[in-house]
Protein backbone atom coordinates (compact mmCIF):
# COMPACT_ATOMS: atom_id res chain seq x y z
CA UNK A 1 -43.22 -25.82 2.49
CA UNK A 2 -42.52 -22.31 2.23
CA UNK A 3 -39.58 -21.30 4.82
CA UNK A 4 -38.39 -18.09 6.22
CA UNK A 5 -34.71 -16.12 6.10
CA UNK A 6 -32.89 -16.02 8.97
CA UNK A 7 -31.27 -12.07 8.84
CA UNK A 8 -28.74 -10.91 11.05
CA UNK A 9 -29.54 -8.41 13.11
CA UNK A 10 -27.14 -5.70 14.13
CA UNK A 11 -26.34 -5.63 18.04
CA UNK A 12 -26.24 -2.02 18.40
CA UNK A 13 -30.01 -1.37 16.52
CA UNK A 14 -30.80 -3.53 19.61
CA UNK A 15 -29.25 -2.05 22.84
CA UNK A 16 -27.30 1.40 22.59
CA UNK A 17 -25.35 0.52 25.57
CA UNK A 18 -23.42 -2.41 27.39
CA UNK A 19 -24.32 -0.94 30.78
CA UNK A 20 -27.41 1.28 30.08
CA UNK A 21 -29.44 -1.38 27.93
CA UNK A 22 -27.95 -4.87 27.76
CA UNK A 23 -26.75 -5.62 31.23
CA UNK A 24 -30.70 -4.20 32.31
CA UNK A 25 -31.84 -6.76 29.46
CA UNK A 26 -30.27 -9.35 30.45
CA UNK A 27 -30.50 -9.59 33.82
CA UNK A 28 -34.19 -9.74 33.49
CA UNK A 29 -35.21 -13.24 34.54
CA UNK A 30 -36.64 -14.57 31.20
CA UNK A 31 -33.09 -13.51 29.05
CA UNK A 32 -30.54 -15.09 31.68
CA UNK A 33 -32.77 -17.92 31.93
CA UNK A 34 -31.46 -18.45 28.47
CA UNK A 35 -27.87 -17.82 28.78
CA UNK A 36 -28.10 -20.78 32.01
CA UNK A 37 -29.49 -22.72 29.52
CA UNK A 38 -27.21 -22.26 27.08
CA UNK A 39 -23.92 -23.41 29.45
CA UNK A 40 -26.02 -25.81 31.74
CA UNK A 41 -26.62 -23.78 34.92
CA UNK A 42 -28.94 -22.56 36.51
CA UNK A 43 -28.62 -18.58 37.69
CA UNK A 44 -29.96 -15.94 40.04
CA UNK A 45 -28.88 -12.80 39.21
CA UNK A 46 -27.65 -11.33 42.77
CA UNK A 47 -26.45 -7.47 41.74
CA UNK A 48 -25.58 -5.35 38.76
CA UNK A 49 -22.73 -3.13 38.34
CA UNK A 50 -20.69 -5.39 41.96
CA UNK A 51 -17.57 -4.17 42.81
CA UNK A 52 -15.00 -6.54 42.92
CA UNK A 53 -11.25 -5.62 43.45
CA UNK A 54 -10.52 -2.06 41.79
CA UNK A 55 -13.42 -3.10 38.94
CA UNK A 56 -16.81 -3.54 38.79
CA UNK A 57 -18.55 -6.84 36.71
CA UNK A 58 -21.53 -6.44 34.68
CA UNK A 59 -23.65 -9.06 36.61
CA UNK A 60 -23.12 -11.10 39.89
CA UNK A 61 -24.83 -13.99 39.61
CA UNK A 62 -25.14 -17.83 41.90
CA UNK A 63 -25.16 -20.85 40.80
CA UNK A 64 -28.43 -22.18 42.57
CA UNK A 65 -27.01 -25.65 42.85
CA UNK A 66 -23.79 -24.92 44.46
CA UNK A 67 -23.93 -21.30 45.65
CA UNK A 68 -20.81 -20.45 44.03
CA UNK A 69 -20.75 -16.94 42.34
CA UNK A 70 -21.17 -16.64 38.37
CA UNK A 71 -19.69 -13.27 37.29
CA UNK A 72 -20.94 -12.06 33.87
CA UNK A 73 -18.84 -9.45 31.58
CA UNK A 74 -20.19 -7.94 28.83
CA UNK A 75 -19.07 -6.19 25.97
CA UNK A 76 -21.20 -5.13 22.49
CA UNK A 77 -18.26 -5.48 20.22
CA UNK A 78 -14.70 -7.31 19.70
CA UNK A 79 -12.94 -8.60 22.94
CA UNK A 80 -10.06 -6.68 24.14
CA UNK A 81 -7.39 -6.83 26.74
CA UNK A 82 -9.12 -4.83 29.39
CA UNK A 83 -11.68 -6.92 29.63
CA UNK A 84 -9.44 -9.73 29.75
CA UNK A 85 -7.45 -8.28 32.90
CA UNK A 86 -10.71 -7.52 34.61
CA UNK A 87 -11.80 -11.00 34.15
CA UNK A 88 -8.32 -12.73 35.99
CA UNK A 89 -8.85 -9.77 38.39
CA UNK A 90 -11.97 -11.30 39.53
CA UNK A 91 -11.04 -14.99 39.31
CA UNK A 92 -8.24 -13.61 41.59
CA UNK A 93 -10.55 -12.36 44.10
CA UNK A 94 -12.91 -15.20 44.53
CA UNK A 95 -12.28 -18.70 46.05
CA UNK A 96 -15.05 -20.22 43.90
CA UNK A 97 -16.20 -18.91 40.59
CA UNK A 98 -17.47 -18.87 37.34
CA UNK A 99 -16.54 -16.32 34.86
CA UNK A 100 -18.85 -15.41 31.54
CA UNK A 101 -17.79 -13.18 29.54
CA UNK A 102 -19.75 -12.43 26.44
CA UNK A 103 -19.08 -10.38 23.35
CA UNK A 104 -20.19 -9.73 19.95
CA UNK A 105 -16.93 -10.86 18.70
CA UNK A 106 -14.01 -13.06 20.07
CA UNK A 107 -10.52 -12.65 18.58
CA UNK A 108 -8.46 -15.86 18.69
CA UNK A 109 -5.99 -14.97 21.31
CA UNK A 110 -8.67 -14.30 23.36
CA UNK A 111 -10.65 -17.60 23.00
CA UNK A 112 -7.61 -19.15 23.21
CA UNK A 113 -6.34 -17.09 26.66
CA UNK A 114 -9.71 -18.22 28.04
CA UNK A 115 -9.02 -22.03 26.94
CA UNK A 116 -5.11 -21.60 28.73
CA UNK A 117 -6.82 -20.47 32.16
CA UNK A 118 -9.26 -22.97 31.83
CA UNK A 119 -6.54 -25.46 31.71
CA UNK A 120 -4.71 -24.20 34.52
CA UNK A 121 -7.29 -23.61 36.77
CA UNK A 122 -8.80 -26.47 39.07
CA UNK A 123 -12.36 -26.98 39.08
CA UNK A 124 -13.36 -24.40 41.48
CA UNK A 125 -12.78 -21.47 38.65
CA UNK A 126 -14.43 -21.93 35.05
CA UNK A 127 -14.13 -19.45 32.34
CA UNK A 128 -16.46 -19.18 29.41
CA UNK A 129 -16.47 -17.26 26.18
CA UNK A 130 -20.24 -16.38 24.52
CA UNK A 131 -20.36 -14.73 21.60
CA UNK A 132 -23.76 -13.01 21.26
CA UNK A 133 -26.20 -12.98 18.02
CA UNK A 134 -29.27 -11.64 17.37
CA UNK A 135 -31.80 -12.70 13.91
CA UNK A 136 -35.14 -12.20 13.11
CA UNK A 137 -37.59 -13.68 10.11
CA UNK A 138 -39.09 -11.05 7.86
CA UNK A 139 -40.74 -8.66 10.07
CA UNK A 140 -40.34 -10.98 13.53
CA UNK A 141 -39.58 -9.57 16.79
CA UNK A 142 -35.54 -10.16 17.03
CA UNK A 143 -34.26 -12.72 19.10
CA UNK A 144 -30.74 -13.49 20.68
CA UNK A 145 -28.64 -16.24 20.28
CA UNK A 146 -25.40 -17.19 22.81
CA UNK A 147 -23.06 -19.10 21.02
CA UNK A 148 -20.12 -21.08 23.26
CA UNK A 149 -16.83 -20.30 21.93
CA UNK A 150 -14.88 -20.93 25.27
CA UNK A 151 -15.65 -23.41 27.90
CA UNK A 152 -14.34 -25.29 30.55
CA UNK A 153 -13.01 -29.05 29.92
CA UNK A 154 -14.52 -30.92 32.75
CA UNK A 155 -12.85 -34.09 32.04
CA UNK A 156 -9.49 -32.29 32.39
CA UNK A 157 -10.28 -30.70 35.29
CA UNK A 158 -11.44 -33.43 37.16
CA UNK A 159 -8.73 -35.59 35.82
CA UNK A 160 -6.25 -32.83 37.35
CA UNK A 161 -8.05 -32.84 40.49
CA UNK A 162 -8.10 -36.47 41.28
CA UNK A 163 -4.84 -36.56 40.57
CA UNK A 164 -3.77 -33.79 43.60
CA UNK A 165 -5.65 -35.56 45.75
CA UNK A 166 -5.19 -38.85 47.87
CA UNK A 167 -6.33 -42.08 45.85
CA UNK A 168 -10.19 -42.58 46.01
CA UNK A 169 -11.12 -45.28 47.94
CA UNK A 170 -13.28 -48.38 46.11
CA UNK A 171 -16.61 -47.11 47.26
CA UNK A 172 -16.16 -43.47 46.09
CA UNK A 173 -14.91 -45.40 42.92
CA UNK A 174 -18.25 -46.88 43.07
CA UNK A 175 -20.29 -43.66 43.82
CA UNK A 176 -18.73 -42.30 41.18
CA UNK A 177 -19.36 -44.92 38.60
CA UNK A 178 -23.43 -44.91 39.90
CA UNK A 179 -24.10 -40.77 39.49
CA UNK A 180 -21.97 -41.25 35.54
CA UNK A 181 -24.15 -43.99 35.00
CA UNK A 182 -27.39 -42.30 36.33
CA UNK A 183 -26.23 -39.10 33.93
CA UNK A 184 -26.30 -41.18 31.12
CA UNK A 185 -29.32 -42.26 32.00
CA UNK A 186 -31.56 -39.23 32.61
CA UNK A 187 -29.70 -37.75 29.02
CA UNK A 188 -31.07 -41.20 27.04
CA UNK A 189 -34.43 -40.61 28.66
CA UNK A 190 -37.08 -37.67 28.64
CA UNK A 191 -36.55 -35.84 31.40
CA UNK A 192 -36.27 -32.23 32.10
CA UNK A 193 -33.84 -32.66 35.18
CA UNK A 194 -30.11 -31.91 34.65
CA UNK A 195 -27.19 -33.70 36.15
CA UNK A 196 -24.57 -31.84 37.39
CA UNK A 197 -20.63 -33.24 36.47
CA UNK A 198 -20.94 -36.57 38.37
CA UNK A 199 -19.16 -36.59 42.04
CA UNK A 200 -17.01 -39.69 43.98
CA UNK A 201 -19.52 -38.84 46.79
CA UNK A 202 -22.48 -40.35 48.40
CA UNK A 203 -24.78 -37.37 46.95
CA UNK A 204 -25.33 -35.29 44.20
CA UNK A 205 -27.20 -31.80 43.90
CA UNK A 206 -29.66 -30.26 41.65
CA UNK A 207 -30.74 -27.02 40.57
CA UNK A 208 -34.57 -25.89 42.37
CA UNK A 209 -34.67 -22.17 40.95
CA UNK A 210 -32.77 -20.10 43.77
CA UNK A 211 -29.89 -19.73 45.56
CA UNK A 212 -29.92 -21.34 49.31
CA UNK A 213 -32.36 -24.53 47.68
CA UNK A 214 -31.28 -27.49 46.03
CA UNK A 215 -32.11 -30.87 45.76
CA UNK A 216 -29.91 -33.82 46.43
CA UNK A 217 -29.98 -37.12 45.52
CA UNK A 218 -28.34 -39.98 47.85
CA UNK A 219 -26.80 -43.63 47.16
CA UNK A 220 -25.70 -45.13 50.80
CA UNK A 221 -23.88 -48.38 49.76
CA UNK A 222 -23.31 -49.65 53.27
CA UNK A 223 -26.76 -48.68 54.42
CA UNK A 224 -28.45 -50.04 51.25
CA UNK A 225 -31.38 -46.95 50.31
CA UNK A 226 -31.14 -43.84 48.29
CA UNK A 227 -33.07 -40.66 48.92
CA UNK A 228 -33.94 -37.26 47.78
CA UNK A 229 -33.25 -34.88 49.77
CA UNK A 230 -35.33 -31.01 49.62
CA UNK A 231 -32.42 -28.71 51.58
CA UNK A 232 -33.14 -25.36 52.69
CA UNK A 233 -30.20 -23.05 53.74
CA UNK A 234 -29.74 -19.38 54.16
CA UNK A 235 -30.14 -17.30 57.05
CA UNK A 236 -34.15 -17.90 57.51
CA UNK A 237 -33.99 -21.76 56.73
CA UNK A 238 -35.73 -22.53 60.27
CA UNK A 239 -38.22 -19.86 59.77
CA UNK A 240 -38.89 -20.62 56.17
CA UNK A 241 -39.30 -25.10 57.01
CA UNK A 242 -41.94 -24.29 59.57
CA UNK A 243 -43.67 -22.04 56.92
CA UNK A 244 -43.09 -25.12 54.35
CA UNK A 245 -44.18 -27.90 56.80
CA UNK A 246 -47.04 -26.08 58.65
CA UNK A 247 -48.72 -25.48 54.73
CA UNK A 248 -47.56 -28.03 52.67
CA UNK A 249 -47.33 -31.30 54.88
CA UNK A 250 -50.47 -33.28 54.35
CA UNK A 251 -50.80 -31.95 50.60
CA UNK A 252 -47.44 -33.14 50.10
CA UNK A 253 -48.15 -36.66 51.47
CA UNK A 254 -51.39 -36.60 49.05
CA UNK A 255 -49.11 -35.79 45.58
CA UNK A 256 -46.82 -37.75 46.39
CA UNK A 257 -48.79 -40.39 47.39
CA UNK A 258 -45.90 -41.37 50.41
CA UNK A 259 -44.86 -40.01 53.97
CA UNK A 260 -42.18 -37.54 53.76
CA UNK A 261 -39.97 -36.89 56.49
CA UNK A 262 -39.67 -33.35 57.74
CA UNK A 263 -36.32 -32.50 59.49
CA UNK A 264 -35.45 -29.40 61.32
CA UNK A 265 -32.08 -30.42 62.10
CA UNK A 266 -31.61 -27.66 64.61
CA UNK A 267 -28.46 -28.13 65.37
CA UNK A 268 -27.21 -27.88 61.40
CA UNK A 269 -27.40 -25.11 59.16
CA UNK A 270 -29.44 -26.39 57.03
CA UNK A 271 -33.47 -28.17 56.98
CA UNK A 272 -34.57 -30.82 54.79
CA UNK A 273 -37.47 -32.87 53.64
CA UNK A 274 -36.73 -36.24 52.47
CA UNK A 275 -38.07 -38.85 50.71
CA UNK A 276 -36.20 -42.98 51.44
CA UNK A 277 -36.21 -46.18 49.90
CA UNK A 278 -34.61 -48.79 50.20
CA UNK A 279 -31.93 -49.93 47.35
CA UNK A 280 -28.80 -51.98 46.83
CA UNK A 281 -26.50 -49.70 45.33
CA UNK A 282 -24.14 -52.09 45.11
CA UNK A 283 -25.54 -54.09 43.03
CA UNK A 284 -24.74 -52.83 39.31
CA UNK A 285 -27.70 -55.42 37.76
CA UNK A 286 -30.33 -52.68 40.10
CA UNK A 287 -29.48 -49.33 39.00
CA UNK A 288 -31.64 -48.55 36.21
CA UNK A 289 -34.46 -49.48 38.49
CA UNK A 290 -33.14 -46.92 40.89
CA UNK A 291 -32.28 -44.23 38.40
CA UNK A 292 -35.77 -44.51 36.82
CA UNK A 293 -36.92 -44.13 40.80
CA UNK A 294 -34.27 -40.58 41.19
CA UNK A 295 -36.15 -39.30 37.87
CA UNK A 296 -39.78 -39.72 38.39
CA UNK A 297 -39.30 -38.66 42.27
CA UNK A 298 -36.87 -35.67 41.01
CA UNK A 299 -39.41 -34.47 38.25
CA UNK A 300 -42.38 -34.41 41.08
CA UNK A 301 -40.32 -32.83 43.77
CA UNK A 302 -38.95 -29.95 41.01
CA UNK A 303 -42.77 -29.24 40.33
CA UNK A 304 -44.20 -29.42 43.49
CA UNK A 305 -41.53 -27.53 45.93
CA UNK A 306 -40.25 -24.95 43.00
CA UNK A 307 -43.40 -23.15 42.52
CA UNK A 308 -43.56 -22.98 46.15
CA UNK A 309 -40.20 -21.70 46.62
CA UNK A 310 -39.78 -19.24 44.34
CA UNK A 311 -42.73 -17.08 45.83
CA UNK A 312 -41.36 -17.35 49.38
């Protein structure tokens, strides 16, 4: 079998300038999705050249699961102290944020600086260092490659966060272990559903491709049920809920072969669409069966509602 040879392409051959060429390229849906896949966050671009204090972030995004801000700073050269200072200014100006620093090459001191920042901040502030390269094979179109050189230590941050709070209850400990087991179950089975860091609470969220929308998986230890919610938020939540309900309620019941509950929740900021199942969450021997139910139905919910929400 004859194989091709990877040839490295100089970044300046593809993008002459950071602001004029690289930032608009990265903000394109397909390319921001590639970056999101690399770091495990589904990103939605909000704005380019967004002012944060005295500086302008190259790209402002939202994490579609948490609705927290994600700021991206780009360099097509080696990292420098100026950009590091800007990143720290961004972190200081926002309560919850993920900051992504993209550069051609990370110096050891700047890589170490991001590791240090991740170690001293809680899980509301996260720093990623990403090196970008590009390659071609023969006469092929050049392909970008994002390489993570610095990232948050989720385990360290979760321990620090837990230590700063009161001791978690027995129920919350069970919920944490339940979601940890589900994450492992999903990772060992063939599914496109990506779990976030398991939380010590009765719900965990999943991306749905757009800010103000997500899917929640819920487990109730007290009331013995599991449930999947499509959460609709934002200033137009009620109008969007009624639009979806009038257009798809009957079709959704046929698609899922079940009766979905459509709850406007008029006094709440969100409206939800859900599917519920009786389940003894406290019985560990039944977890695999419950996690399989979540896997199958989360996939169905994502495939059914994602394209409909995307075109709203």
